[in-house]
Protein backbone atom coordinates (compact mmCIF):
# COMPACT_ATOMS: atom_id res chain seq x y z
CA MET A 1 -19.40 -176.66 -89.43
CA LYS A 2 -15.81 -176.68 -90.35
CA PHE A 3 -13.14 -177.43 -92.92
CA SER A 4 -10.44 -176.82 -95.58
CA ALA A 5 -9.57 -175.97 -99.28
CA ILE A 6 -6.84 -175.38 -101.98
CA LEU A 7 -5.94 -173.87 -105.45
CA ALA A 8 -6.03 -175.26 -108.99
CA THR A 9 -4.45 -172.82 -111.44
CA SER A 10 -2.68 -173.25 -114.74
CA ALA A 11 -0.83 -169.97 -114.31
CA LEU A 12 0.87 -170.80 -111.02
CA ALA A 13 1.64 -173.88 -108.95
CA PHE A 14 3.65 -174.13 -105.74
CA PRO A 15 4.59 -177.81 -105.30
CA ALA A 16 6.69 -176.91 -102.27
CA LEU A 17 3.55 -175.72 -100.47
CA VAL A 18 1.78 -179.07 -100.56
CA SER A 19 0.99 -180.46 -97.11
CA ALA A 20 -1.80 -182.42 -95.52
CA HIS A 21 -4.53 -179.79 -95.45
CA GLY A 22 -7.62 -181.92 -94.83
CA GLY A 23 -10.58 -183.76 -96.30
CA MET A 24 -13.59 -186.04 -95.80
CA VAL A 25 -12.98 -189.24 -93.83
CA GLU A 26 -16.58 -190.56 -93.48
CA PRO A 27 -18.20 -191.85 -95.61
CA LYS A 28 -14.95 -193.61 -96.50
CA PRO A 29 -13.61 -191.96 -99.68
CA ARG A 30 -12.49 -193.69 -102.86
CA SER A 31 -8.87 -192.67 -102.25
CA LEU A 32 -8.67 -194.85 -99.14
CA THR A 33 -10.28 -197.79 -100.93
CA MET A 34 -7.51 -197.38 -103.52
CA GLY A 35 -4.94 -197.72 -100.73
CA LEU A 36 -3.64 -194.16 -101.06
CA ASN A 37 -2.16 -192.34 -98.09
CA ILE A 38 -4.83 -190.11 -96.57
CA ASP A 39 -2.41 -187.25 -95.92
CA SER A 40 -1.30 -187.26 -99.56
CA THR A 41 -4.88 -187.18 -100.84
CA PHE A 42 -5.68 -184.34 -98.44
CA GLY A 43 -2.55 -182.42 -99.29
CA PHE A 44 -2.50 -182.34 -103.08
CA PRO A 45 -4.87 -180.18 -105.15
CA THR A 46 -6.65 -181.94 -107.99
CA ASN A 47 -4.28 -180.59 -110.66
CA MET A 48 -1.27 -182.25 -108.97
CA ARG A 49 -2.71 -185.71 -108.30
CA GLY A 50 -1.49 -187.69 -111.28
CA ASP A 51 1.93 -188.49 -109.81
CA TYR A 52 0.58 -190.45 -106.85
CA THR A 53 -2.71 -191.92 -108.10
CA GLY A 54 -1.38 -194.25 -110.78
CA GLY A 55 -2.44 -191.80 -113.47
CA LYS A 56 -5.89 -191.20 -111.96
CA GLY A 57 -5.36 -187.48 -111.73
CA GLY A 58 -7.93 -184.72 -111.58
CA GLU A 59 -11.01 -184.78 -109.40
CA CYS A 60 -11.88 -187.87 -107.38
CA LEU A 61 -14.79 -188.47 -109.76
CA ASN A 62 -12.11 -190.04 -111.99
CA PHE A 63 -11.06 -192.54 -109.30
CA PRO A 64 -12.27 -196.18 -109.46
CA GLN A 65 -15.75 -196.73 -108.06
CA GLN A 66 -16.15 -198.53 -104.74
CA GLY A 67 -17.77 -201.96 -104.82
CA ASP A 68 -19.18 -201.61 -101.31
CA ARG A 69 -21.34 -198.50 -101.11
CA ALA A 70 -22.02 -196.89 -97.74
CA THR A 71 -25.69 -196.27 -96.92
CA ILE A 72 -26.51 -192.71 -95.88
CA PRO A 73 -29.94 -191.57 -94.62
CA ALA A 74 -32.27 -189.21 -96.42
CA GLY A 75 -32.64 -185.90 -94.63
CA GLN A 76 -29.98 -184.28 -92.50
CA PHE A 77 -26.67 -186.15 -92.48
CA LYS A 78 -23.28 -185.27 -91.03
CA ILE A 79 -20.11 -185.80 -93.04
CA LYS A 80 -17.01 -186.35 -90.91
CA MET A 81 -13.88 -184.49 -91.89
CA ARG A 82 -10.38 -183.77 -90.66
CA ALA A 83 -8.33 -180.59 -90.90
CA ASN A 84 -4.53 -180.94 -90.81
CA ASP A 85 -1.56 -178.62 -90.27
CA GLY A 86 -3.57 -175.47 -89.64
CA ALA A 87 -4.10 -174.65 -93.33
CA ASN A 88 -6.65 -171.84 -93.31
CA HIS A 89 -7.26 -170.70 -96.87
CA ILE A 90 -10.50 -168.81 -97.40
CA GLY A 91 -13.12 -170.40 -99.64
CA PRO A 92 -16.22 -172.58 -99.46
CA CYS A 93 -16.70 -176.30 -98.94
CA LYS A 94 -19.45 -177.76 -101.12
CA VAL A 95 -21.07 -181.20 -101.14
CA TYR A 96 -22.72 -182.75 -104.19
CA LEU A 97 -24.54 -185.90 -105.21
CA VAL A 98 -23.15 -186.90 -108.61
CA ASP A 99 -24.24 -189.36 -111.28
CA PRO A 100 -21.55 -192.12 -111.27
CA SER A 101 -21.83 -192.44 -115.06
CA ASN A 102 -21.93 -188.70 -115.84
CA ALA A 103 -19.74 -186.45 -113.70
CA GLY A 104 -21.37 -183.35 -115.17
CA ASN A 105 -24.74 -184.28 -113.67
CA LYS A 106 -24.57 -183.17 -110.04
CA GLN A 107 -26.84 -181.77 -107.34
CA GLU A 108 -25.57 -179.55 -104.52
CA ILE A 109 -26.81 -180.69 -101.10
CA GLY A 110 -24.78 -178.45 -98.81
CA ARG A 111 -22.12 -175.76 -98.56
CA MET A 112 -20.17 -173.87 -95.93
CA ASP A 113 -18.44 -170.56 -96.64
CA ASN A 114 -14.85 -170.22 -95.38
CA CYS A 115 -15.13 -173.63 -93.78
CA MET A 116 -11.42 -174.10 -93.08
CA ARG A 117 -10.91 -170.57 -91.83
CA SER A 118 -13.52 -171.29 -89.13
CA LEU A 119 -11.14 -173.88 -87.67
CA HIS A 120 -7.96 -171.84 -87.99
CA PRO A 121 -8.57 -168.07 -87.91
CA THR A 122 -4.80 -167.70 -88.36
CA ALA A 123 -2.43 -170.04 -90.17
CA GLY A 124 -1.08 -173.00 -88.24
CA GLN A 125 2.21 -174.80 -88.59
CA LYS A 126 3.25 -178.05 -90.24
CA ASN A 127 2.50 -181.02 -87.94
CA THR A 128 -0.22 -179.14 -86.06
CA PRO A 129 -2.47 -181.91 -84.64
CA ALA A 130 -5.43 -182.82 -86.85
CA ILE A 131 -8.77 -181.26 -85.90
CA PRO A 132 -11.93 -183.36 -86.37
CA ALA A 133 -14.87 -181.58 -87.97
CA GLU A 134 -18.40 -182.19 -89.25
CA MET A 135 -20.58 -180.69 -91.95
CA THR A 136 -24.36 -181.10 -92.09
CA VAL A 137 -25.97 -181.66 -95.49
CA ASN A 138 -29.54 -182.34 -96.65
CA VAL A 139 -29.80 -185.62 -98.54
CA PRO A 140 -32.87 -185.92 -100.80
CA ALA A 141 -34.69 -189.26 -100.74
CA ASN A 142 -35.09 -189.04 -104.52
CA PRO A 143 -32.10 -187.14 -105.91
CA THR A 144 -32.32 -185.56 -109.34
CA ALA A 145 -28.67 -186.17 -110.29
CA CYS A 146 -28.43 -189.91 -109.63
CA LYS A 147 -30.35 -192.99 -108.55
CA ALA A 148 -30.81 -193.55 -104.84
CA ASP A 149 -29.11 -196.96 -105.04
CA HIS A 150 -25.88 -195.42 -106.38
CA CYS A 151 -24.71 -191.82 -106.09
CA VAL A 152 -21.25 -190.35 -105.68
CA LEU A 153 -21.01 -188.09 -102.65
CA GLN A 154 -18.40 -185.46 -103.58
CA PHE A 155 -16.86 -183.17 -100.96
CA ARG A 156 -15.18 -180.25 -102.74
CA TRP A 157 -13.13 -177.50 -101.08
CA GLU A 158 -12.43 -174.42 -103.22
CA ALA A 159 -9.60 -172.29 -101.82
CA MET A 160 -9.87 -168.68 -102.97
CA HIS A 161 -6.72 -167.14 -101.46
CA LEU A 162 -5.32 -166.43 -104.95
CA ALA A 163 -8.62 -165.45 -106.60
CA PRO A 164 -9.48 -165.45 -109.43
CA ALA A 165 -7.39 -168.64 -109.40
CA ILE A 166 -8.96 -171.46 -107.37
CA GLU A 167 -7.22 -174.35 -105.63
CA VAL A 168 -9.46 -177.42 -105.46
CA TYR A 169 -9.35 -180.35 -103.04
CA ASP A 170 -11.99 -183.05 -103.12
CA GLN A 171 -12.93 -186.48 -101.81
CA CYS A 172 -15.55 -188.86 -103.25
CA ALA A 173 -17.48 -191.76 -101.76
CA ASP A 174 -19.88 -194.13 -103.54
CA VAL A 175 -23.11 -194.23 -101.51
CA LYS A 176 -26.71 -195.37 -101.58
CA ILE A 177 -29.54 -193.47 -99.93
CA GLY A 178 -31.66 -195.27 -97.37
CA GLY A 179 -34.55 -194.23 -95.16
CA GLY A 180 -33.96 -191.92 -92.28
CA GLY A 181 -33.75 -188.52 -91.04
CA GLY A 182 -36.69 -186.17 -91.89
CA GLY A 183 -37.07 -183.82 -94.74
CA GLY A 184 -35.41 -185.85 -97.46
CA GLY A 185 -36.72 -183.48 -100.12
CA ALA A 186 -35.69 -180.30 -98.35
CA PRO A 187 -33.49 -177.87 -100.25
CA ALA A 188 -29.79 -177.79 -99.56
CA PRO A 189 -28.90 -175.59 -96.58
CA GLY A 190 -27.46 -172.21 -97.40
CA PRO A 191 -24.28 -170.76 -95.93
CA GLY A 192 -24.41 -170.40 -92.17
CA PRO A 193 -22.20 -168.76 -89.56
CA ALA A 194 -18.87 -170.50 -89.12
CA PRO A 195 -18.17 -171.11 -85.41
CA GLY A 196 -14.51 -171.14 -84.43
CA PRO A 197 -13.04 -173.96 -82.34
CA GLY A 198 -12.28 -171.57 -79.48
CA PRO A 199 -11.25 -168.00 -78.78
CA ALA A 200 -10.14 -166.53 -82.08
CA PRO A 201 -6.49 -165.50 -82.36
CA PRO A 202 -5.70 -162.20 -84.06
CA ALA A 203 -6.72 -162.11 -87.71
CA PRO A 204 -3.96 -162.77 -90.25
CA PRO A 205 -2.23 -159.64 -91.50
CA ALA A 206 -3.41 -157.98 -94.66
CA GLY A 207 -1.25 -158.29 -97.72
CA GLY A 208 2.02 -156.44 -97.41
CA SER A 209 1.51 -155.44 -93.75
CA GLY A 210 3.06 -158.47 -92.03
CA GLY A 211 6.57 -157.93 -93.24
CA TYR A 212 6.49 -160.64 -95.93
CA ARG A 213 6.52 -160.02 -99.66
CA TYR A 214 6.67 -162.06 -102.83
CA THR A 215 10.33 -162.48 -103.86
CA GLY A 216 9.95 -164.79 -106.87
CA PRO A 217 10.12 -163.90 -110.58
CA ALA A 218 8.34 -160.70 -111.63
CA ARG A 219 4.61 -161.25 -112.24
CA PRO A 220 1.67 -158.95 -113.04
CA ASP A 221 -0.15 -160.25 -109.94
CA SER A 222 2.69 -159.68 -107.46
CA ALA A 223 0.42 -157.66 -105.17
CA SER A 224 -1.89 -160.64 -104.62
CA LEU A 225 1.13 -162.84 -103.97
CA ASP A 226 2.28 -160.40 -101.27
CA THR A 227 -1.10 -161.04 -99.66
CA TRP A 228 -0.63 -164.79 -100.00
CA CYS A 229 2.82 -164.63 -98.38
CA ASN A 230 1.52 -162.66 -95.41
CA GLN A 231 -1.36 -165.08 -94.88
CA ASN A 232 0.75 -168.23 -95.11
CA CYS A 233 4.23 -167.39 -93.76
CA PRO A 234 6.11 -168.73 -92.01
CA GLY A 235 4.24 -172.03 -91.81
CA PHE A 236 3.23 -172.59 -95.45
CA CYS A 237 5.52 -170.55 -97.67
CA PRO A 238 8.76 -171.54 -99.42
CA GLY A 239 11.82 -169.38 -98.88
CA ASP A 240 12.37 -168.88 -102.60
CA MET A 241 8.87 -167.40 -103.03
CA CYS A 242 8.38 -165.25 -99.92
CA GLY A 243 10.72 -163.25 -97.72
CA LYS A 244 11.14 -160.12 -95.62
């Protein structure tokens, strides 16, 4: 299992850091049905989406519903994803079935802790080739959050690198649940070990030990921003925020 995440915070936003981090590509998400660029939808956290979605900002649950719903089997099902640019923020990927008429009514059907970090143990660089990935979820034949003939499958990545602030990236697909794979009523799988794509490079430096530090305006959380700079420089940090 593998994949990526980002941060939604009212206290701090780094527009210059936005790049194509990653997201769900199958089932086909609403953003692609809307004709949006896949790299833009992967790269922007939910709190920065309004500028490029025709006002449909926020989570993808606010995007227009798809007329043609993909059929997914009950039981174990693999979501296809793509990780871009080596973004490796810590944080879980979660998958929900959501009521299309009530976004607050949702049912978790899978999660993977530190999903993106499993692909990139250390930060990559901009234009690093995309890495395909899959995540296995358990789809109930009779979901509690929605009707089997129309659910919203929401893939949600929660980046925790600036905890307690969270950066959120998500993708949604309108689906219907058909027959298939065994154990449709099984509980959602818990967190499992995250296999790396190959021999793991050295772990990213701890905050303050890699020679980078936060150089922006004085803040009470400057220590955590030192950590962020060390984990993301030089590939994902702006020069006016981090330096040596």
